[in-house]
Amino acid sequence: AFYNRELDIGENFHTEHAPKFDAGKLLGSASYEDFAKLLKKPRKALILVTAGKPTDMVIESLMGAFEKEDIIVDTGNAHFKD
């Protein structure tokens, strides 16, 4: 499952990549809440977001949709010299 706050980018990603997988294997969502509903519990999410405030905002938003046992992994999308 995936979520992109820019819905047109998410739709284009789905249109391009869904045919490469079996039906129902690539699931897009329109909100953090919808994204959480698509994942099996305990949920696990990898986030690939620009380092800093954007990452903090995504983590806060996911925490609002996730439960205590769920896992959020910040993949550290920053320049290696940071």
PDB file of N, CA and C in Angstrom:
ATOM      1  N   ALA A   1       0.847  -1.178   0.000  1.00  0.00           N
ATOM      2  CA  ALA A   1       0.000   0.000   0.000  1.00  0.00           C
ATOM      3  C   ALA A   1       0.890   1.238   0.000  1.00  0.00           C
ATOM      4  N   PHE A   2       0.370   2.321  -0.548  1.00  0.00           N
ATOM      5  CA  PHE A   2       1.137   3.559  -0.543  1.00  0.00           C
ATOM      6  C   PHE A   2       0.198   4.755  -0.402  1.00  0.00           C
ATOM      7  N   TYR A   3       0.787   5.874   0.022  1.00  0.00           N
ATOM      8  CA  TYR A   3       0.070   7.141   0.105  1.00  0.00           C
ATOM      9  C   TYR A   3       1.024   8.233  -0.357  1.00  0.00           C
ATOM     10  N   ASN A   4       0.525   9.145  -1.151  1.00  0.00           N
ATOM     11  CA  ASN A   4       1.264  10.338  -1.543  1.00  0.00           C
ATOM     12  C   ASN A   4       0.305  11.506  -1.375  1.00  0.00           C
ATOM     13  N   ARG A   5       0.721  12.512  -0.631  1.00  0.00           N
ATOM     14  CA  ARG A   5      -0.189  13.642  -0.359  1.00  0.00           C
ATOM     15  C   ARG A   5      -0.579  14.382  -1.634  1.00  0.00           C
ATOM     16  N   GLU A   6       0.232  14.251  -2.670  1.00  0.00           N
ATOM     17  CA  GLU A   6      -0.124  14.804  -3.972  1.00  0.00           C
ATOM     18  C   GLU A   6      -0.837  13.693  -4.738  1.00  0.00           C
ATOM     19  N   LEU A   7      -2.165  13.715  -4.678  1.00  0.00           N
ATOM     20  CA  LEU A   7      -2.968  12.606  -5.184  1.00  0.00           C
ATOM     21  C   LEU A   7      -2.718  12.283  -6.647  1.00  0.00           C
ATOM     22  N   ASP A   8      -2.450  13.302  -7.466  1.00  0.00           N
ATOM     23  CA  ASP A   8      -2.197  13.027  -8.887  1.00  0.00           C
ATOM     24  C   ASP A   8      -0.912  12.224  -9.071  1.00  0.00           C
ATOM     25  N   ILE A   9       0.087  12.461  -8.247  1.00  0.00           N
ATOM     26  CA  ILE A   9       1.324  11.680  -8.328  1.00  0.00           C
ATOM     27  C   ILE A   9       1.045  10.236  -7.923  1.00  0.00           C
ATOM     28  N   GLY A  10       0.262  10.051  -6.867  1.00  0.00           N
ATOM     29  CA  GLY A  10      -0.113   8.700  -6.448  1.00  0.00           C
ATOM     30  C   GLY A  10      -0.893   7.965  -7.518  1.00  0.00           C
ATOM     31  N   GLU A  11      -1.826   8.657  -8.151  1.00  0.00           N
ATOM     32  CA  GLU A  11      -2.623   8.032  -9.209  1.00  0.00           C
ATOM     33  C   GLU A  11      -1.748   7.642 -10.398  1.00  0.00           C
ATOM     34  N   ASN A  12      -0.834   8.526 -10.774  1.00  0.00           N
ATOM     35  CA  ASN A  12       0.072   8.224 -11.891  1.00  0.00           C
ATOM     36  C   ASN A  12       0.979   7.047 -11.547  1.00  0.00           C
ATOM     37  N   PHE A  13       1.478   6.995 -10.297  1.00  0.00           N
ATOM     38  CA  PHE A  13       2.313   5.878  -9.857  1.00  0.00           C
ATOM     39  C   PHE A  13       1.538   4.574  -9.962  1.00  0.00           C
ATOM     40  N   HIS A  14       0.301   4.596  -9.492  1.00  0.00           N
ATOM     41  CA  HIS A  14      -0.530   3.392  -9.524  1.00  0.00           C
ATOM     42  C   HIS A  14      -0.796   2.954 -10.966  1.00  0.00           C
ATOM     43  N   THR A  15      -1.157   3.889 -11.812  1.00  0.00           N
ATOM     44  CA  THR A  15      -1.445   3.583 -13.213  1.00  0.00           C
ATOM     45  C   THR A  15      -0.227   2.961 -13.908  1.00  0.00           C
ATOM     46  N   GLU A  16       0.945   3.494 -13.617  1.00  0.00           N
ATOM     47  CA  GLU A  16       2.167   3.007 -14.255  1.00  0.00           C
ATOM     48  C   GLU A  16       2.608   1.644 -13.719  1.00  0.00           C
ATOM     49  N   HIS A  17       2.487   1.421 -12.406  1.00  0.00           N
ATOM     50  CA  HIS A  17       3.094   0.240 -11.804  1.00  0.00           C
ATOM     51  C   HIS A  17       2.128  -0.900 -11.470  1.00  0.00           C
ATOM     52  N   ALA A  18       0.851  -0.638 -11.318  1.00  0.00           N
ATOM     53  CA  ALA A  18      -0.105  -1.691 -10.956  1.00  0.00           C
ATOM     54  C   ALA A  18      -0.116  -2.853 -11.948  1.00  0.00           C
ATOM     55  N   PRO A  19      -0.002  -2.602 -13.253  1.00  0.00           N
ATOM     56  CA  PRO A  19      -0.017  -3.737 -14.194  1.00  0.00           C
ATOM     57  C   PRO A  19       1.137  -4.726 -14.008  1.00  0.00           C
ATOM     58  N   LYS A  20       2.188  -4.328 -13.304  1.00  0.00           N
ATOM     59  CA  LYS A  20       3.342  -5.201 -13.087  1.00  0.00           C
ATOM     60  C   LYS A  20       3.085  -6.215 -11.979  1.00  0.00           C
ATOM     61  N   PHE A  21       2.002  -6.037 -11.220  1.00  0.00           N
ATOM     62  CA  PHE A  21       1.697  -6.887 -10.080  1.00  0.00           C
ATOM     63  C   PHE A  21       0.362  -7.600 -10.293  1.00  0.00           C
ATOM     64  N   ASP A  22       0.126  -8.646  -9.509  1.00  0.00           N
ATOM     65  CA  ASP A  22      -1.177  -9.297  -9.535  1.00  0.00           C
ATOM     66  C   ASP A  22      -2.240  -8.303  -9.083  1.00  0.00           C
ATOM     67  N   ALA A  23      -3.471  -8.534  -9.502  1.00  0.00           N
ATOM     68  CA  ALA A  23      -4.576  -7.646  -9.133  1.00  0.00           C
ATOM     69  C   ALA A  23      -4.651  -7.480  -7.616  1.00  0.00           C
ATOM     70  N   GLY A  24      -4.805  -6.264  -7.169  1.00  0.00           N
ATOM     71  CA  GLY A  24      -4.966  -5.988  -5.746  1.00  0.00           C
ATOM     72  C   GLY A  24      -3.690  -5.989  -4.939  1.00  0.00           C
ATOM     73  N   LYS A  25      -2.531  -6.082  -5.586  1.00  0.00           N
ATOM     74  CA  LYS A  25      -1.258  -6.112  -4.854  1.00  0.00           C
ATOM     75  C   LYS A  25      -0.674  -4.720  -4.625  1.00  0.00           C
ATOM     76  N   LEU A  26      -1.036  -3.753  -5.446  1.00  0.00           N
ATOM     77  CA  LEU A  26      -0.556  -2.388  -5.292  1.00  0.00           C
ATOM     78  C   LEU A  26      -1.760  -1.515  -4.996  1.00  0.00           C
ATOM     79  N   LEU A  27      -1.860  -1.072  -3.746  1.00  0.00           N
ATOM     80  CA  LEU A  27      -3.043  -0.347  -3.299  1.00  0.00           C
ATOM     81  C   LEU A  27      -2.691   1.085  -2.925  1.00  0.00           C
ATOM     82  N   GLY A  28      -3.341   2.029  -3.567  1.00  0.00           N
ATOM     83  CA  GLY A  28      -3.146   3.431  -3.248  1.00  0.00           C
ATOM     84  C   GLY A  28      -4.209   3.914  -2.290  1.00  0.00           C
ATOM     85  N   SER A  29      -3.898   4.969  -1.556  1.00  0.00           N
ATOM     86  CA  SER A  29      -4.855   5.523  -0.603  1.00  0.00           C
ATOM     87  C   SER A  29      -4.906   7.038  -0.746  1.00  0.00           C
ATOM     88  N   ALA A  30      -6.006   7.622  -0.284  1.00  0.00           N
ATOM     89  CA  ALA A  30      -6.229   9.060  -0.425  1.00  0.00           C
ATOM     90  C   ALA A  30      -5.962   9.830   0.860  1.00  0.00           C
ATOM     91  N   SER A  31      -5.656   9.109   1.960  1.00  0.00           N
ATOM     92  CA  SER A  31      -5.396   9.774   3.239  1.00  0.00           C
ATOM     93  C   SER A  31      -4.570   8.851   4.127  1.00  0.00           C
ATOM     94  N   TYR A  32      -4.031   9.402   5.183  1.00  0.00           N
ATOM     95  CA  TYR A  32      -3.287   8.575   6.142  1.00  0.00           C
ATOM     96  C   TYR A  32      -4.207   7.528   6.770  1.00  0.00           C
ATOM     97  N   GLU A  33      -5.431   7.901   7.031  1.00  0.00           N
ATOM     98  CA  GLU A  33      -6.389   6.967   7.626  1.00  0.00           C
ATOM     99  C   GLU A  33      -6.679   5.811   6.675  1.00  0.00           C
ATOM    100  N   ASP A  34      -6.890   6.122   5.392  1.00  0.00           N
ATOM    101  CA  ASP A  34      -7.118   5.070   4.395  1.00  0.00           C
ATOM    102  C   ASP A  34      -5.887   4.172   4.257  1.00  0.00           C
ATOM    103  N   PHE A  35      -4.701   4.783   4.289  1.00  0.00           N
ATOM    104  CA  PHE A  35      -3.459   4.030   4.212  1.00  0.00           C
ATOM    105  C   PHE A  35      -3.378   3.039   5.371  1.00  0.00           C
ATOM    106  N   ALA A  36      -3.681   3.507   6.580  1.00  0.00           N
ATOM    107  CA  ALA A  36      -3.631   2.637   7.761  1.00  0.00           C
ATOM    108  C   ALA A  36      -4.601   1.463   7.621  1.00  0.00           C
ATOM    109  N   LYS A  37      -5.770   1.705   7.061  1.00  0.00           N
ATOM    110  CA  LYS A  37      -6.772   0.644   6.888  1.00  0.00           C
ATOM    111  C   LYS A  37      -6.312  -0.442   5.913  1.00  0.00           C
ATOM    112  N   LEU A  38      -5.426  -0.096   4.988  1.00  0.00           N
ATOM    113  CA  LEU A  38      -4.954  -1.060   3.994  1.00  0.00           C
ATOM    114  C   LEU A  38      -3.883  -2.006   4.537  1.00  0.00           C
ATOM    115  N   LEU A  39      -3.289  -1.659   5.666  1.00  0.00           N
ATOM    116  CA  LEU A  39      -2.184  -2.440   6.212  1.00  0.00           C
ATOM    117  C   LEU A  39      -2.662  -3.424   7.270  1.00  0.00           C
ATOM    118  N   LYS A  40      -2.018  -4.599   7.305  1.00  0.00           N
ATOM    119  CA  LYS A  40      -2.308  -5.581   8.342  1.00  0.00           C
ATOM    120  C   LYS A  40      -1.668  -5.135   9.651  1.00  0.00           C
ATOM    121  N   LYS A  41      -2.331  -5.457  10.752  1.00  0.00           N
ATOM    122  CA  LYS A  41      -1.805  -5.115  12.073  1.00  0.00           C
ATOM    123  C   LYS A  41      -0.850  -6.186  12.565  1.00  0.00           C
ATOM    124  N   PRO A  42       0.210  -5.862  13.259  1.00  0.00           N
ATOM    125  CA  PRO A  42       0.659  -4.495  13.492  1.00  0.00           C
ATOM    126  C   PRO A  42       1.191  -3.892  12.191  1.00  0.00           C
ATOM    127  N   ARG A  43       0.830  -2.666  11.962  1.00  0.00           N
ATOM    128  CA  ARG A  43       1.197  -1.990  10.721  1.00  0.00           C
ATOM    129  C   ARG A  43       2.686  -1.635  10.725  1.00  0.00           C
ATOM    130  N   LYS A  44       3.256  -1.604   9.531  1.00  0.00           N
ATOM    131  CA  LYS A  44       4.636  -1.179   9.352  1.00  0.00           C
ATOM    132  C   LYS A  44       4.673  -0.246   8.150  1.00  0.00           C
ATOM    133  N   ALA A  45       5.279   0.916   8.322  1.00  0.00           N
ATOM    134  CA  ALA A  45       5.344   1.877   7.224  1.00  0.00           C
ATOM    135  C   ALA A  45       6.757   2.424   7.092  1.00  0.00           C
ATOM    136  N   LEU A  46       7.247   2.461   5.875  1.00  0.00           N
ATOM    137  CA  LEU A  46       8.511   3.122   5.552  1.00  0.00           C
ATOM    138  C   LEU A  46       8.166   4.480   4.975  1.00  0.00           C
ATOM    139  N   ILE A  47       8.815   5.518   5.484  1.00  0.00           N
ATOM    140  CA  ILE A  47       8.547   6.843   4.914  1.00  0.00           C
ATOM    141  C   ILE A  47       9.805   7.352   4.224  1.00  0.00           C
ATOM    142  N   LEU A  48       9.606   7.919   3.067  1.00  0.00           N
ATOM    143  CA  LEU A  48      10.684   8.496   2.269  1.00  0.00           C
ATOM    144  C   LEU A  48      10.320   9.953   2.024  1.00  0.00           C
ATOM    145  N   VAL A  49      10.731  10.793   2.955  1.00  0.00           N
ATOM    146  CA  VAL A  49      10.336  12.197   2.951  1.00  0.00           C
ATOM    147  C   VAL A  49      11.582  13.039   3.194  1.00  0.00           C
ATOM    148  N   THR A  50      11.613  14.231   2.636  1.00  0.00           N
ATOM    149  CA  THR A  50      12.717  15.147   2.870  1.00  0.00           C
ATOM    150  C   THR A  50      12.944  15.305   4.368  1.00  0.00           C
ATOM    151  N   ALA A  51      14.204  15.269   4.776  1.00  0.00           N
ATOM    152  CA  ALA A  51      14.555  15.368   6.196  1.00  0.00           C
ATOM    153  C   ALA A  51      14.076  16.688   6.804  1.00  0.00           C
ATOM    154  N   GLY A  52      13.826  16.661   8.105  1.00  0.00           N
ATOM    155  CA  GLY A  52      13.441  17.872   8.829  1.00  0.00           C
ATOM    156  C   GLY A  52      11.953  17.935   9.094  1.00  0.00           C
ATOM    157  N   LYS A  53      11.404  19.152   9.017  1.00  0.00           N
ATOM    158  CA  LYS A  53       9.997  19.378   9.327  1.00  0.00           C
ATOM    159  C   LYS A  53       9.048  18.499   8.507  1.00  0.00           C
ATOM    160  N   PRO A  54       9.279  18.303   7.194  1.00  0.00           N
ATOM    161  CA  PRO A  54       8.369  17.426   6.445  1.00  0.00           C
ATOM    162  C   PRO A  54       8.289  16.019   7.046  1.00  0.00           C
ATOM    163  N   THR A  55       9.431  15.461   7.448  1.00  0.00           N
ATOM    164  CA  THR A  55       9.435  14.143   8.072  1.00  0.00           C
ATOM    165  C   THR A  55       8.641  14.160   9.367  1.00  0.00           C
ATOM    166  N   ASP A  56       8.871  15.180  10.184  1.00  0.00           N
ATOM    167  CA  ASP A  56       8.141  15.295  11.455  1.00  0.00           C
ATOM    168  C   ASP A  56       6.636  15.365  11.219  1.00  0.00           C
ATOM    169  N   MET A  57       6.222  16.102  10.199  1.00  0.00           N
ATOM    170  CA  MET A  57       4.798  16.246   9.903  1.00  0.00           C
ATOM    171  C   MET A  57       4.187  14.907   9.479  1.00  0.00           C
ATOM    172  N   VAL A  58       4.914  14.131   8.669  1.00  0.00           N
ATOM    173  CA  VAL A  58       4.401  12.835   8.223  1.00  0.00           C
ATOM    174  C   VAL A  58       4.302  11.880   9.415  1.00  0.00           C
ATOM    175  N   ILE A  59       5.330  11.860  10.252  1.00  0.00           N
ATOM    176  CA  ILE A  59       5.298  10.981  11.425  1.00  0.00           C
ATOM    177  C   ILE A  59       4.119  11.335  12.320  1.00  0.00           C
ATOM    178  N   GLU A  60       3.905  12.615  12.575  1.00  0.00           N
ATOM    179  CA  GLU A  60       2.771  13.047  13.405  1.00  0.00           C
ATOM    180  C   GLU A  60       1.445  12.619  12.780  1.00  0.00           C
ATOM    181  N   SER A  61       1.319  12.767  11.468  1.00  0.00           N
ATOM    182  CA  SER A  61       0.082  12.383  10.786  1.00  0.00           C
ATOM    183  C   SER A  61      -0.145  10.878  10.859  1.00  0.00           C
ATOM    184  N   LEU A  62       0.915  10.104  10.640  1.00  0.00           N
ATOM    185  CA  LEU A  62       0.784   8.648  10.735  1.00  0.00           C
ATOM    186  C   LEU A  62       0.452   8.213  12.155  1.00  0.00           C
ATOM    187  N   MET A  63       1.045   8.858  13.151  1.00  0.00           N
ATOM    188  CA  MET A  63       0.755   8.506  14.533  1.00  0.00           C
ATOM    189  C   MET A  63      -0.725   8.706  14.856  1.00  0.00           C
ATOM    190  N   GLY A  64      -1.353   9.668  14.185  1.00  0.00           N
ATOM    191  CA  GLY A  64      -2.778   9.895  14.376  1.00  0.00           C
ATOM    192  C   GLY A  64      -3.634   8.784  13.784  1.00  0.00           C
ATOM    193  N   ALA A  65      -3.097   8.065  12.794  1.00  0.00           N
ATOM    194  CA  ALA A  65      -3.847   7.002  12.128  1.00  0.00           C
ATOM    195  C   ALA A  65      -3.428   5.611  12.597  1.00  0.00           C
ATOM    196  N   PHE A  66      -2.234   5.500  13.168  1.00  0.00           N
ATOM    197  CA  PHE A  66      -1.701   4.220  13.615  1.00  0.00           C
ATOM    198  C   PHE A  66      -2.029   3.977  15.090  1.00  0.00           C
ATOM    199  N   GLU A  67      -1.747   2.760  15.533  1.00  0.00           N
ATOM    200  CA  GLU A  67      -1.964   2.378  16.932  1.00  0.00           C
ATOM    201  C   GLU A  67      -0.620   2.130  17.607  1.00  0.00           C
ATOM    202  N   LYS A  68      -0.656   1.927  18.909  1.00  0.00           N
ATOM    203  CA  LYS A  68       0.549   1.818  19.728  1.00  0.00           C
ATOM    204  C   LYS A  68       1.546   0.778  19.202  1.00  0.00           C
ATOM    205  N   GLU A  69       1.089  -0.373  18.750  1.00  0.00           N
ATOM    206  CA  GLU A  69       1.973  -1.458  18.324  1.00  0.00           C
ATOM    207  C   GLU A  69       2.535  -1.276  16.912  1.00  0.00           C
ATOM    208  N   ASP A  70       2.035  -0.302  16.166  1.00  0.00           N
ATOM    209  CA  ASP A  70       2.458  -0.093  14.789  1.00  0.00           C
ATOM    210  C   ASP A  70       3.862   0.527  14.735  1.00  0.00           C
ATOM    211  N   ILE A  71       4.521   0.347  13.599  1.00  0.00           N
ATOM    212  CA  ILE A  71       5.910   0.786  13.439  1.00  0.00           C
ATOM    213  C   ILE A  71       6.014   1.756  12.276  1.00  0.00           C
ATOM    214  N   ILE A  72       6.726   2.865  12.498  1.00  0.00           N
ATOM    215  CA  ILE A  72       7.034   3.840  11.448  1.00  0.00           C
ATOM    216  C   ILE A  72       8.549   3.892  11.327  1.00  0.00           C
ATOM    217  N   VAL A  73       9.069   3.657  10.121  1.00  0.00           N
ATOM    218  CA  VAL A  73      10.506   3.686   9.892  1.00  0.00           C
ATOM    219  C   VAL A  73      10.832   4.902   9.031  1.00  0.00           C
ATOM    220  N   ASP A  74      11.608   5.822   9.601  1.00  0.00           N
ATOM    221  CA  ASP A  74      12.098   6.978   8.856  1.00  0.00           C
ATOM    222  C   ASP A  74      13.353   6.524   8.126  1.00  0.00           C
ATOM    223  N   THR A  75      13.295   6.481   6.809  1.00  0.00           N
ATOM    224  CA  THR A  75      14.420   5.974   6.039  1.00  0.00           C
ATOM    225  C   THR A  75      15.527   6.994   5.875  1.00  0.00           C
ATOM    226  N   GLY A  76      15.409   8.144   6.510  1.00  0.00           N
ATOM    227  CA  GLY A  76      16.504   9.110   6.532  1.00  0.00           C
ATOM    228  C   GLY A  76      16.816   9.683   5.178  1.00  0.00           C
ATOM    229  N   ASN A  77      15.822  10.209   4.499  1.00  0.00           N
ATOM    230  CA  ASN A  77      15.993  10.752   3.166  1.00  0.00           C
ATOM    231  C   ASN A  77      16.705  12.106   3.229  1.00  0.00           C
ATOM    232  N   ALA A  78      18.011  12.052   3.454  1.00  0.00           N
ATOM    233  CA  ALA A  78      18.838  13.271   3.523  1.00  0.00           C
ATOM    234  C   ALA A  78      20.148  13.017   2.803  1.00  0.00           C
ATOM    235  N   HIS A  79      20.863  14.060   2.535  1.00  0.00           N
ATOM    236  CA  HIS A  79      22.169  13.930   1.920  1.00  0.00           C
ATOM    237  C   HIS A  79      23.119  13.277   2.913  1.00  0.00           C
ATOM    238  N   PHE A  80      23.974  12.371   2.458  1.00  0.00           N
ATOM    239  CA  PHE A  80      24.811  11.587   3.356  1.00  0.00           C
ATOM    240  C   PHE A  80      25.778  12.449   4.184  1.00  0.00           C
ATOM    241  N   LYS A  81      26.067  13.657   3.770  1.00  0.00           N
ATOM    242  CA  LYS A  81      26.977  14.528   4.532  1.00  0.00           C
ATOM    243  C   LYS A  81      26.278  15.266   5.674  1.00  0.00           C
ATOM    244  N   ASP A  82      24.945  15.182   5.749  1.00  0.00           N
ATOM    245  CA  ASP A  82      24.203  15.884   6.810  1.00  0.00           C
ATOM    246  C   ASP A  82      24.517  15.327   8.166  1.00  0.00           C
TER     247      ASP A  82
END
